[in-house]
Amino acid sequence: LYLIQEDTTWTDDESFDPVKFNENAEKGMKTTSACPSISS
């Protein structure tokens, strides 16, 4: 699945960087989630 912070899209896999993600969240960046695509 995906997490979206303004213009940054995070893929919920091994590449996900929780430290940077949380830094963005602490700055007040709005976060939403998105489901996998049909092609995925």
PDB file of all heavy atoms in Angstrom:
ATOM      1  N   LEU A   1       0.859  -1.168   0.000  1.00  0.00           N
ATOM      2  CA  LEU A   1       0.000   0.000   0.000  1.00  0.00           C
ATOM      3  C   LEU A   1       0.905   1.231   0.000  1.00  0.00           C
ATOM      4  O   LEU A   1       2.131   1.106   0.003  1.00  0.00           O
ATOM      5  CB  LEU A   1      -0.930  -0.002   1.218  1.00  0.00           C
ATOM      6  CG  LEU A   1      -2.002  -1.106   1.187  1.00  0.00           C
ATOM      7  CD1 LEU A   1      -1.680  -2.175   2.206  1.00  0.00           C
ATOM      8  CD2 LEU A   1      -3.383  -0.537   1.450  1.00  0.00           C
ATOM      9  N   TYR A   2       0.308   2.426   0.040  1.00  0.00           N
ATOM     10  CA  TYR A   2       1.090   3.651  -0.066  1.00  0.00           C
ATOM     11  C   TYR A   2       0.665   4.665   0.990  1.00  0.00           C
ATOM     12  O   TYR A   2      -0.497   4.715   1.391  1.00  0.00           O
ATOM     13  CB  TYR A   2       0.921   4.275  -1.461  1.00  0.00           C
ATOM     14  CG  TYR A   2       1.323   3.347  -2.577  1.00  0.00           C
ATOM     15  CD1 TYR A   2       0.374   2.544  -3.193  1.00  0.00           C
ATOM     16  CD2 TYR A   2       2.646   3.257  -2.989  1.00  0.00           C
ATOM     17  CE1 TYR A   2       0.733   1.664  -4.206  1.00  0.00           C
ATOM     18  CE2 TYR A   2       3.014   2.384  -4.006  1.00  0.00           C
ATOM     19  CZ  TYR A   2       2.048   1.588  -4.612  1.00  0.00           C
ATOM     20  OH  TYR A   2       2.415   0.722  -5.610  1.00  0.00           O
ATOM     21  N   LEU A   3       1.637   5.453   1.431  1.00  0.00           N
ATOM     22  CA  LEU A   3       1.381   6.593   2.300  1.00  0.00           C
ATOM     23  C   LEU A   3       1.828   7.841   1.548  1.00  0.00           C
ATOM     24  O   LEU A   3       2.911   7.863   0.948  1.00  0.00           O
ATOM     25  CB  LEU A   3       2.145   6.447   3.615  1.00  0.00           C
ATOM     26  CG  LEU A   3       1.633   5.332   4.539  1.00  0.00           C
ATOM     27  CD1 LEU A   3       2.671   5.010   5.596  1.00  0.00           C
ATOM     28  CD2 LEU A   3       0.322   5.731   5.193  1.00  0.00           C
ATOM     29  N   ILE A   4       1.009   8.874   1.583  1.00  0.00           N
ATOM     30  CA  ILE A   4       1.271  10.077   0.788  1.00  0.00           C
ATOM     31  C   ILE A   4       1.379  11.281   1.710  1.00  0.00           C
ATOM     32  O   ILE A   4       0.461  11.579   2.477  1.00  0.00           O
ATOM     33  CB  ILE A   4       0.153  10.294  -0.238  1.00  0.00           C
ATOM     34  CG1 ILE A   4       0.012   9.056  -1.142  1.00  0.00           C
ATOM     35  CG2 ILE A   4       0.437  11.543  -1.079  1.00  0.00           C
ATOM     36  CD1 ILE A   4      -1.256   9.026  -1.947  1.00  0.00           C
ATOM     37  N   GLN A   5       2.521  11.959   1.645  1.00  0.00           N
ATOM     38  CA  GLN A   5       2.761  13.184   2.407  1.00  0.00           C
ATOM     39  C   GLN A   5       3.019  14.316   1.415  1.00  0.00           C
ATOM     40  O   GLN A   5       4.097  14.400   0.828  1.00  0.00           O
ATOM     41  CB  GLN A   5       3.952  13.030   3.346  1.00  0.00           C
ATOM     42  CG  GLN A   5       3.708  12.104   4.525  1.00  0.00           C
ATOM     43  CD  GLN A   5       4.940  11.948   5.407  1.00  0.00           C
ATOM     44  OE1 GLN A   5       6.055  11.834   4.917  1.00  0.00           O
ATOM     45  NE2 GLN A   5       4.735  11.939   6.711  1.00  0.00           N
ATOM     46  N   GLU A   6       2.005  15.137   1.200  1.00  0.00           N
ATOM     47  CA  GLU A   6       2.092  16.234   0.233  1.00  0.00           C
ATOM     48  C   GLU A   6       2.584  15.697  -1.117  1.00  0.00           C
ATOM     49  O   GLU A   6       1.901  14.911  -1.753  1.00  0.00           O
ATOM     50  CB  GLU A   6       2.957  17.357   0.795  1.00  0.00           C
ATOM     51  CG  GLU A   6       2.341  17.978   2.057  1.00  0.00           C
ATOM     52  CD  GLU A   6       3.123  19.135   2.622  1.00  0.00           C
ATOM     53  OE1 GLU A   6       4.177  19.501   2.062  1.00  0.00           O
ATOM     54  OE2 GLU A   6       2.678  19.703   3.641  1.00  0.00           O
ATOM     55  N   ASP A   7       3.802  16.046  -1.551  1.00  0.00           N
ATOM     56  CA  ASP A   7       4.262  15.597  -2.868  1.00  0.00           C
ATOM     57  C   ASP A   7       5.146  14.355  -2.801  1.00  0.00           C
ATOM     58  O   ASP A   7       5.757  13.967  -3.797  1.00  0.00           O
ATOM     59  CB  ASP A   7       5.010  16.725  -3.581  1.00  0.00           C
ATOM     60  CG  ASP A   7       6.227  17.208  -2.798  1.00  0.00           C
ATOM     61  OD1 ASP A   7       6.372  16.815  -1.619  1.00  0.00           O
ATOM     62  OD2 ASP A   7       7.017  17.991  -3.348  1.00  0.00           O
ATOM     63  N   THR A   8       5.205  13.710  -1.643  1.00  0.00           N
ATOM     64  CA  THR A   8       6.024  12.504  -1.486  1.00  0.00           C
ATOM     65  C   THR A   8       5.130  11.283  -1.284  1.00  0.00           C
ATOM     66  O   THR A   8       4.259  11.284  -0.418  1.00  0.00           O
ATOM     67  CB  THR A   8       6.973  12.625  -0.272  1.00  0.00           C
ATOM     68  OG1 THR A   8       7.820  13.755  -0.452  1.00  0.00           O
ATOM     69  CG2 THR A   8       7.815  11.365  -0.125  1.00  0.00           C
ATOM     70  N   THR A   9       5.358  10.258  -2.090  1.00  0.00           N
ATOM     71  CA  THR A   9       4.624   9.002  -1.955  1.00  0.00           C
ATOM     72  C   THR A   9       5.561   7.926  -1.430  1.00  0.00           C
ATOM     73  O   THR A   9       6.612   7.651  -2.024  1.00  0.00           O
ATOM     74  CB  THR A   9       4.037   8.555  -3.301  1.00  0.00           C
ATOM     75  OG1 THR A   9       3.104   9.540  -3.762  1.00  0.00           O
ATOM     76  CG2 THR A   9       3.308   7.212  -3.152  1.00  0.00           C
ATOM     77  N   TRP A  10       5.176   7.340  -0.299  1.00  0.00           N
ATOM     78  CA  TRP A  10       5.976   6.280   0.326  1.00  0.00           C
ATOM     79  C   TRP A  10       5.366   4.924  -0.003  1.00  0.00           C
ATOM     80  O   TRP A  10       4.178   4.706   0.189  1.00  0.00           O
ATOM     81  CB  TRP A  10       5.989   6.460   1.838  1.00  0.00           C
ATOM     82  CG  TRP A  10       6.557   7.763   2.312  1.00  0.00           C
ATOM     83  CD1 TRP A  10       5.879   8.938   2.499  1.00  0.00           C
ATOM     84  CD2 TRP A  10       7.911   8.029   2.659  1.00  0.00           C
ATOM     85  NE1 TRP A  10       6.719   9.912   2.950  1.00  0.00           N
ATOM     86  CE2 TRP A  10       7.980   9.388   3.054  1.00  0.00           C
ATOM     87  CE3 TRP A  10       9.076   7.261   2.687  1.00  0.00           C
ATOM     88  CZ2 TRP A  10       9.166   9.991   3.467  1.00  0.00           C
ATOM     89  CZ3 TRP A  10      10.253   7.854   3.098  1.00  0.00           C
ATOM     90  CH2 TRP A  10      10.287   9.199   3.476  1.00  0.00           C
ATOM     91  N   THR A  11       6.200   4.016  -0.476  1.00  0.00           N
ATOM     92  CA  THR A  11       5.759   2.651  -0.730  1.00  0.00           C
ATOM     93  C   THR A  11       5.978   1.819   0.528  1.00  0.00           C
ATOM     94  O   THR A  11       7.062   1.836   1.105  1.00  0.00           O
ATOM     95  CB  THR A  11       6.545   2.034  -1.906  1.00  0.00           C
ATOM     96  OG1 THR A  11       6.400   2.882  -3.058  1.00  0.00           O
ATOM     97  CG2 THR A  11       6.021   0.651  -2.237  1.00  0.00           C
ATOM     98  N   ASP A  12       4.947   1.102   0.940  1.00  0.00           N
ATOM     99  CA  ASP A  12       5.028   0.327   2.178  1.00  0.00           C
ATOM    100  C   ASP A  12       5.721  -1.015   1.921  1.00  0.00           C
ATOM    101  O   ASP A  12       5.106  -2.078   1.933  1.00  0.00           O
ATOM    102  CB  ASP A  12       3.628   0.111   2.756  1.00  0.00           C
ATOM    103  CG  ASP A  12       3.652  -0.497   4.148  1.00  0.00           C
ATOM    104  OD1 ASP A  12       4.738  -0.535   4.764  1.00  0.00           O
ATOM    105  OD2 ASP A  12       2.578  -0.923   4.622  1.00  0.00           O
ATOM    106  N   ASP A  13       7.018  -0.929   1.690  1.00  0.00           N
ATOM    107  CA  ASP A  13       7.834  -2.130   1.484  1.00  0.00           C
ATOM    108  C   ASP A  13       9.197  -1.911   2.122  1.00  0.00           C
ATOM    109  O   ASP A  13       9.348  -1.054   3.006  1.00  0.00           O
ATOM    110  CB  ASP A  13       7.947  -2.471  -0.007  1.00  0.00           C
ATOM    111  CG  ASP A  13       8.596  -1.353  -0.827  1.00  0.00           C
ATOM    112  OD1 ASP A  13       9.157  -0.399  -0.230  1.00  0.00           O
ATOM    113  OD2 ASP A  13       8.556  -1.433  -2.069  1.00  0.00           O
ATOM    114  N   GLU A  14      10.200  -2.653   1.681  1.00  0.00           N
ATOM    115  CA  GLU A  14      11.520  -2.576   2.301  1.00  0.00           C
ATOM    116  C   GLU A  14      12.161  -1.199   2.141  1.00  0.00           C
ATOM    117  O   GLU A  14      13.083  -0.841   2.886  1.00  0.00           O
ATOM    118  CB  GLU A  14      12.445  -3.651   1.708  1.00  0.00           C
ATOM    119  CG  GLU A  14      12.041  -5.085   2.044  1.00  0.00           C
ATOM    120  CD  GLU A  14      10.929  -5.598   1.156  1.00  0.00           C
ATOM    121  OE1 GLU A  14      10.512  -4.869   0.219  1.00  0.00           O
ATOM    122  OE2 GLU A  14      10.451  -6.721   1.386  1.00  0.00           O
ATOM    123  N   SER A  15      11.686  -0.419   1.182  1.00  0.00           N
ATOM    124  CA  SER A  15      12.263   0.908   0.945  1.00  0.00           C
ATOM    125  C   SER A  15      11.728   1.974   1.894  1.00  0.00           C
ATOM    126  O   SER A  15      12.264   3.086   1.947  1.00  0.00           O
ATOM    127  CB  SER A  15      11.986   1.349  -0.497  1.00  0.00           C
ATOM    128  OG  SER A  15      10.600   1.620  -0.689  1.00  0.00           O
ATOM    129  N   PHE A  16      10.699   1.660   2.650  1.00  0.00           N
ATOM    130  CA  PHE A  16      10.065   2.645   3.531  1.00  0.00           C
ATOM    131  C   PHE A  16      11.052   3.118   4.601  1.00  0.00           C
ATOM    132  O   PHE A  16      11.684   2.307   5.278  1.00  0.00           O
ATOM    133  CB  PHE A  16       8.827   2.036   4.193  1.00  0.00           C
ATOM    134  CG  PHE A  16       8.084   2.981   5.096  1.00  0.00           C
ATOM    135  CD1 PHE A  16       7.292   3.985   4.579  1.00  0.00           C
ATOM    136  CD2 PHE A  16       8.181   2.862   6.483  1.00  0.00           C
ATOM    137  CE1 PHE A  16       6.606   4.859   5.414  1.00  0.00           C
ATOM    138  CE2 PHE A  16       7.501   3.718   7.313  1.00  0.00           C
ATOM    139  CZ  PHE A  16       6.714   4.725   6.775  1.00  0.00           C
ATOM    140  N   ASP A  17      11.165   4.429   4.751  1.00  0.00           N
ATOM    141  CA  ASP A  17      12.093   5.036   5.708  1.00  0.00           C
ATOM    142  C   ASP A  17      11.288   5.654   6.856  1.00  0.00           C
ATOM    143  O   ASP A  17      10.825   6.789   6.751  1.00  0.00           O
ATOM    144  CB  ASP A  17      12.930   6.107   5.010  1.00  0.00           C
ATOM    145  CG  ASP A  17      13.987   6.729   5.926  1.00  0.00           C
ATOM    146  OD1 ASP A  17      13.925   6.507   7.151  1.00  0.00           O
ATOM    147  OD2 ASP A  17      14.869   7.439   5.415  1.00  0.00           O
ATOM    148  N   PRO A  18      11.106   4.923   7.957  1.00  0.00           N
ATOM    149  CA  PRO A  18      10.261   5.436   9.042  1.00  0.00           C
ATOM    150  C   PRO A  18      10.814   6.693   9.698  1.00  0.00           C
ATOM    151  O   PRO A  18      10.051   7.532  10.169  1.00  0.00           O
ATOM    152  CB  PRO A  18      10.200   4.268  10.036  1.00  0.00           C
ATOM    153  CG  PRO A  18      11.412   3.444   9.743  1.00  0.00           C
ATOM    154  CD  PRO A  18      11.643   3.586   8.275  1.00  0.00           C
ATOM    155  N   VAL A  19      12.138   6.828   9.739  1.00  0.00           N
ATOM    156  CA  VAL A  19      12.739   8.006  10.365  1.00  0.00           C
ATOM    157  C   VAL A  19      12.360   9.266   9.590  1.00  0.00           C
ATOM    158  O   VAL A  19      11.881  10.250  10.150  1.00  0.00           O
ATOM    159  CB  VAL A  19      14.270   7.856  10.459  1.00  0.00           C
ATOM    160  CG1 VAL A  19      14.887   9.145  10.995  1.00  0.00           C
ATOM    161  CG2 VAL A  19      14.633   6.675  11.358  1.00  0.00           C
ATOM    162  N   LYS A  20      12.585   9.248   8.275  1.00  0.00           N
ATOM    163  CA  LYS A  20      12.265  10.403   7.447  1.00  0.00           C
ATOM    164  C   LYS A  20      10.765  10.651   7.410  1.00  0.00           C
ATOM    165  O   LYS A  20      10.306  11.801   7.454  1.00  0.00           O
ATOM    166  CB  LYS A  20      12.783  10.175   6.025  1.00  0.00           C
ATOM    167  CG  LYS A  20      12.560  11.357   5.082  1.00  0.00           C
ATOM    168  CD  LYS A  20      13.294  12.602   5.561  1.00  0.00           C
ATOM    169  CE  LYS A  20      13.119  13.742   4.573  1.00  0.00           C
ATOM    170  NZ  LYS A  20      13.734  15.001   5.057  1.00  0.00           N
ATOM    171  N   PHE A  21       9.994   9.559   7.343  1.00  0.00           N
ATOM    172  CA  PHE A  21       8.534   9.681   7.339  1.00  0.00           C
ATOM    173  C   PHE A  21       8.053  10.398   8.600  1.00  0.00           C
ATOM    174  O   PHE A  21       7.230  11.318   8.540  1.00  0.00           O
ATOM    175  CB  PHE A  21       7.896   8.295   7.239  1.00  0.00           C
ATOM    176  CG  PHE A  21       6.395   8.296   7.293  1.00  0.00           C
ATOM    177  CD1 PHE A  21       5.653   8.517   6.150  1.00  0.00           C
ATOM    178  CD2 PHE A  21       5.732   8.084   8.492  1.00  0.00           C
ATOM    179  CE1 PHE A  21       4.263   8.532   6.201  1.00  0.00           C
ATOM    180  CE2 PHE A  21       4.346   8.097   8.553  1.00  0.00           C
ATOM    181  CZ  PHE A  21       3.611   8.312   7.410  1.00  0.00           C
ATOM    182  N   ASN A  22       8.577   9.982   9.744  1.00  0.00           N
ATOM    183  CA  ASN A  22       8.158  10.594  11.009  1.00  0.00           C
ATOM    184  C   ASN A  22       8.636  12.037  11.122  1.00  0.00           C
ATOM    185  O   ASN A  22       7.951  12.876  11.713  1.00  0.00           O
ATOM    186  CB  ASN A  22       8.678   9.765  12.182  1.00  0.00           C
ATOM    187  CG  ASN A  22       7.954   8.440  12.322  1.00  0.00           C
ATOM    188  OD1 ASN A  22       6.797   8.321  11.931  1.00  0.00           O
ATOM    189  ND2 ASN A  22       8.629   7.433  12.850  1.00  0.00           N
ATOM    190  N   GLU A  23       9.800  12.332  10.547  1.00  0.00           N
ATOM    191  CA  GLU A  23      10.274  13.716  10.540  1.00  0.00           C
ATOM    192  C   GLU A  23       9.291  14.610   9.779  1.00  0.00           C
ATOM    193  O   GLU A  23       8.951  15.712  10.218  1.00  0.00           O
ATOM    194  CB  GLU A  23      11.658  13.794   9.892  1.00  0.00           C
ATOM    195  CG  GLU A  23      12.786  13.271  10.767  1.00  0.00           C
ATOM    196  CD  GLU A  23      14.124  13.308  10.045  1.00  0.00           C
ATOM    197  OE1 GLU A  23      14.155  13.728   8.855  1.00  0.00           O
ATOM    198  OE2 GLU A  23      15.142  12.928  10.659  1.00  0.00           O
ATOM    199  N   ASN A  24       8.831  14.125   8.649  1.00  0.00           N
ATOM    200  CA  ASN A  24       7.852  14.875   7.865  1.00  0.00           C
ATOM    201  C   ASN A  24       6.545  15.062   8.632  1.00  0.00           C
ATOM    202  O   ASN A  24       5.925  16.130   8.608  1.00  0.00           O
ATOM    203  CB  ASN A  24       7.566  14.176   6.541  1.00  0.00           C
ATOM    204  CG  ASN A  24       8.725  14.244   5.576  1.00  0.00           C
ATOM    205  OD1 ASN A  24       9.661  15.026   5.772  1.00  0.00           O
ATOM    206  ND2 ASN A  24       8.681  13.441   4.527  1.00  0.00           N
ATOM    207  N   ALA A  25       6.117  13.965   9.319  1.00  0.00           N
ATOM    208  CA  ALA A  25       4.875  14.029  10.084  1.00  0.00           C
ATOM    209  C   ALA A  25       4.983  15.056  11.208  1.00  0.00           C
ATOM    210  O   ALA A  25       4.033  15.807  11.477  1.00  0.00           O
ATOM    211  CB  ALA A  25       4.542  12.655  10.651  1.00  0.00           C
ATOM    212  N   GLU A  26       6.148  15.095  11.856  1.00  0.00           N
ATOM    213  CA  GLU A  26       6.353  16.045  12.952  1.00  0.00           C
ATOM    214  C   GLU A  26       6.358  17.491  12.461  1.00  0.00           C
ATOM    215  O   GLU A  26       6.085  18.424  13.227  1.00  0.00           O
ATOM    216  CB  GLU A  26       7.664  15.727  13.671  1.00  0.00           C
ATOM    217  CG  GLU A  26       7.596  14.440  14.499  1.00  0.00           C
ATOM    218  CD  GLU A  26       8.947  14.011  15.022  1.00  0.00           C
ATOM    219  OE1 GLU A  26       9.931  14.752  14.793  1.00  0.00           O
ATOM    220  OE2 GLU A  26       9.027  12.939  15.652  1.00  0.00           O
ATOM    221  N   LYS A  27       6.662  17.685  11.182  1.00  0.00           N
ATOM    222  CA  LYS A  27       6.622  19.024  10.590  1.00  0.00           C
ATOM    223  C   LYS A  27       5.193  19.442  10.231  1.00  0.00           C
ATOM    224  O   LYS A  27       4.973  20.553   9.764  1.00  0.00           O
ATOM    225  CB  LYS A  27       7.495  19.062   9.330  1.00  0.00           C
ATOM    226  CG  LYS A  27       8.979  18.895   9.598  1.00  0.00           C
ATOM    227  CD  LYS A  27       9.753  18.836   8.280  1.00  0.00           C
ATOM    228  CE  LYS A  27      11.236  18.587   8.517  1.00  0.00           C
ATOM    229  NZ  LYS A  27      11.986  18.441   7.244  1.00  0.00           N
ATOM    230  N   GLY A  28       4.259  18.523  10.445  1.00  0.00           N
ATOM    231  CA  GLY A  28       2.861  18.834  10.191  1.00  0.00           C
ATOM    232  C   GLY A  28       2.383  18.484   8.798  1.00  0.00           C
ATOM    233  O   GLY A  28       1.293  18.900   8.389  1.00  0.00           O
ATOM    234  N   MET A  29       3.177  17.704   8.044  1.00  0.00           N
ATOM    235  CA  MET A  29       2.751  17.314   6.708  1.00  0.00           C
ATOM    236  C   MET A  29       1.525  16.407   6.788  1.00  0.00           C
ATOM    237  O   MET A  29       1.528  15.407   7.498  1.00  0.00           O
ATOM    238  CB  MET A  29       3.870  16.567   5.977  1.00  0.00           C
ATOM    239  CG  MET A  29       4.988  17.444   5.495  1.00  0.00           C
ATOM    240  SD  MET A  29       6.106  16.522   4.392  1.00  0.00           S
ATOM    241  CE  MET A  29       7.340  17.768   4.062  1.00  0.00           C
ATOM    242  N   LYS A  30       0.483  16.758   6.071  1.00  0.00           N
ATOM    243  CA  LYS A  30      -0.716  15.931   6.040  1.00  0.00           C
ATOM    244  C   LYS A  30      -0.405  14.602   5.371  1.00  0.00           C
ATOM    245  O   LYS A  30       0.249  14.549   4.326  1.00  0.00           O
ATOM    246  CB  LYS A  30      -1.834  16.636   5.276  1.00  0.00           C
ATOM    247  CG  LYS A  30      -3.133  15.851   5.230  1.00  0.00           C
ATOM    248  CD  LYS A  30      -4.206  16.593   4.453  1.00  0.00           C
ATOM    249  CE  LYS A  30      -5.487  15.771   4.382  1.00  0.00           C
ATOM    250  NZ  LYS A  30      -6.544  16.465   3.592  1.00  0.00           N
ATOM    251  N   THR A  31      -0.877  13.513   5.972  1.00  0.00           N
ATOM    252  CA  THR A  31      -0.607  12.178   5.443  1.00  0.00           C
ATOM    253  C   THR A  31      -1.902  11.448   5.151  1.00  0.00           C
ATOM    254  O   THR A  31      -2.833  11.454   5.960  1.00  0.00           O
ATOM    255  CB  THR A  31       0.221  11.352   6.446  1.00  0.00           C
ATOM    256  OG1 THR A  31       1.433  12.053   6.751  1.00  0.00           O
ATOM    257  CG2 THR A  31       0.569   9.990   5.862  1.00  0.00           C
ATOM    258  N   THR A  32      -1.968  10.831   3.988  1.00  0.00           N
ATOM    259  CA  THR A  32      -3.090   9.977   3.613  1.00  0.00           C
ATOM    260  C   THR A  32      -2.538   8.641   3.130  1.00  0.00           C
ATOM    261  O   THR A  32      -1.326   8.491   2.924  1.00  0.00           O
ATOM    262  CB  THR A  32      -3.938  10.612   2.505  1.00  0.00           C
ATOM    263  OG1 THR A  32      -3.100  10.865   1.360  1.00  0.00           O
ATOM    264  CG2 THR A  32      -4.553  11.921   2.971  1.00  0.00           C
ATOM    265  N   SER A  33      -3.412   7.675   2.938  1.00  0.00           N
ATOM    266  CA  SER A  33      -2.981   6.368   2.449  1.00  0.00           C
ATOM    267  C   SER A  33      -3.703   6.045   1.151  1.00  0.00           C
ATOM    268  O   SER A  33      -4.758   6.603   0.846  1.00  0.00           O
ATOM    269  CB  SER A  33      -3.255   5.281   3.498  1.00  0.00           C
ATOM    270  OG  SER A  33      -4.620   5.240   3.851  1.00  0.00           O
ATOM    271  N   ALA A  34      -3.121   5.137   0.385  1.00  0.00           N
ATOM    272  CA  ALA A  34      -3.710   4.719  -0.886  1.00  0.00           C
ATOM    273  C   ALA A  34      -3.509   3.225  -1.070  1.00  0.00           C
ATOM    274  O   ALA A  34      -2.511   2.656  -0.621  1.00  0.00           O
ATOM    275  CB  ALA A  34      -3.074   5.481  -2.045  1.00  0.00           C
ATOM    276  N   CYS A  35      -4.475   2.596  -1.723  1.00  0.00           N
ATOM    277  CA  CYS A  35      -4.430   1.144  -1.911  1.00  0.00           C
ATOM    278  C   CYS A  35      -3.568   0.779  -3.114  1.00  0.00           C
ATOM    279  O   CYS A  35      -3.242   1.630  -3.950  1.00  0.00           O
ATOM    280  CB  CYS A  35      -5.839   0.596  -2.079  1.00  0.00           C
ATOM    281  SG  CYS A  35      -6.650   1.098  -3.622  1.00  0.00           S
ATOM    282  N   PRO A  36      -3.188  -0.486  -3.236  1.00  0.00           N
ATOM    283  CA  PRO A  36      -2.416  -0.928  -4.399  1.00  0.00           C
ATOM    284  C   PRO A  36      -3.228  -0.753  -5.684  1.00  0.00           C
ATOM    285  O   PRO A  36      -4.459  -0.860  -5.684  1.00  0.00           O
ATOM    286  CB  PRO A  36      -2.165  -2.411  -4.118  1.00  0.00           C
ATOM    287  CG  PRO A  36      -2.340  -2.569  -2.644  1.00  0.00           C
ATOM    288  CD  PRO A  36      -3.392  -1.584  -2.267  1.00  0.00           C
ATOM    289  N   SER A  37      -2.528  -0.515  -6.773  1.00  0.00           N
ATOM    290  CA  SER A  37      -3.186  -0.389  -8.069  1.00  0.00           C
ATOM    291  C   SER A  37      -3.596  -1.763  -8.591  1.00  0.00           C
ATOM    292  O   SER A  37      -3.081  -2.798  -8.151  1.00  0.00           O
ATOM    293  CB  SER A  37      -2.252   0.273  -9.072  1.00  0.00           C
ATOM    294  OG  SER A  37      -1.133  -0.565  -9.327  1.00  0.00           O
ATOM    295  N   ILE A  38      -4.508  -1.759  -9.545  1.00  0.00           N
ATOM    296  CA  ILE A  38      -4.911  -3.008 -10.188  1.00  0.00           C
ATOM    297  C   ILE A  38      -3.717  -3.677 -10.850  1.00  0.00           C
ATOM    298  O   ILE A  38      -3.537  -4.898 -10.761  1.00  0.00           O
ATOM    299  CB  ILE A  38      -6.028  -2.735 -11.208  1.00  0.00           C
ATOM    300  CG1 ILE A  38      -7.314  -2.319 -10.489  1.00  0.00           C
ATOM    301  CG2 ILE A  38      -6.290  -3.968 -12.075  1.00  0.00           C
ATOM    302  CD1 ILE A  38      -8.431  -1.872 -11.405  1.00  0.00           C
ATOM    303  N   SER A  39      -2.859  -2.874 -11.474  1.00  0.00           N
ATOM    304  CA  SER A  39      -1.686  -3.450 -12.150  1.00  0.00           C
ATOM    305  C   SER A  39      -0.723  -4.092 -11.163  1.00  0.00           C
ATOM    306  O   SER A  39      -0.073  -5.100 -11.480  1.00  0.00           O
ATOM    307  CB  SER A  39      -0.974  -2.370 -12.972  1.00  0.00           C
ATOM    308  OG  SER A  39      -0.516  -1.318 -12.145  1.00  0.00           O
ATOM    309  N   SER A  40      -0.622  -3.534  -9.944  1.00  0.00           N
ATOM    310  CA  SER A  40       0.248  -4.132  -8.923  1.00  0.00           C
ATOM    311  C   SER A  40      -0.244  -5.514  -8.534  1.00  0.00           C
ATOM    312  O   SER A  40       0.550  -6.454  -8.370  1.00  0.00           O
ATOM    313  CB  SER A  40       0.305  -3.229  -7.689  1.00  0.00           C
ATOM    314  OG  SER A  40       0.908  -1.995  -7.974  1.00  0.00           O
TER     315      SER A  40
END
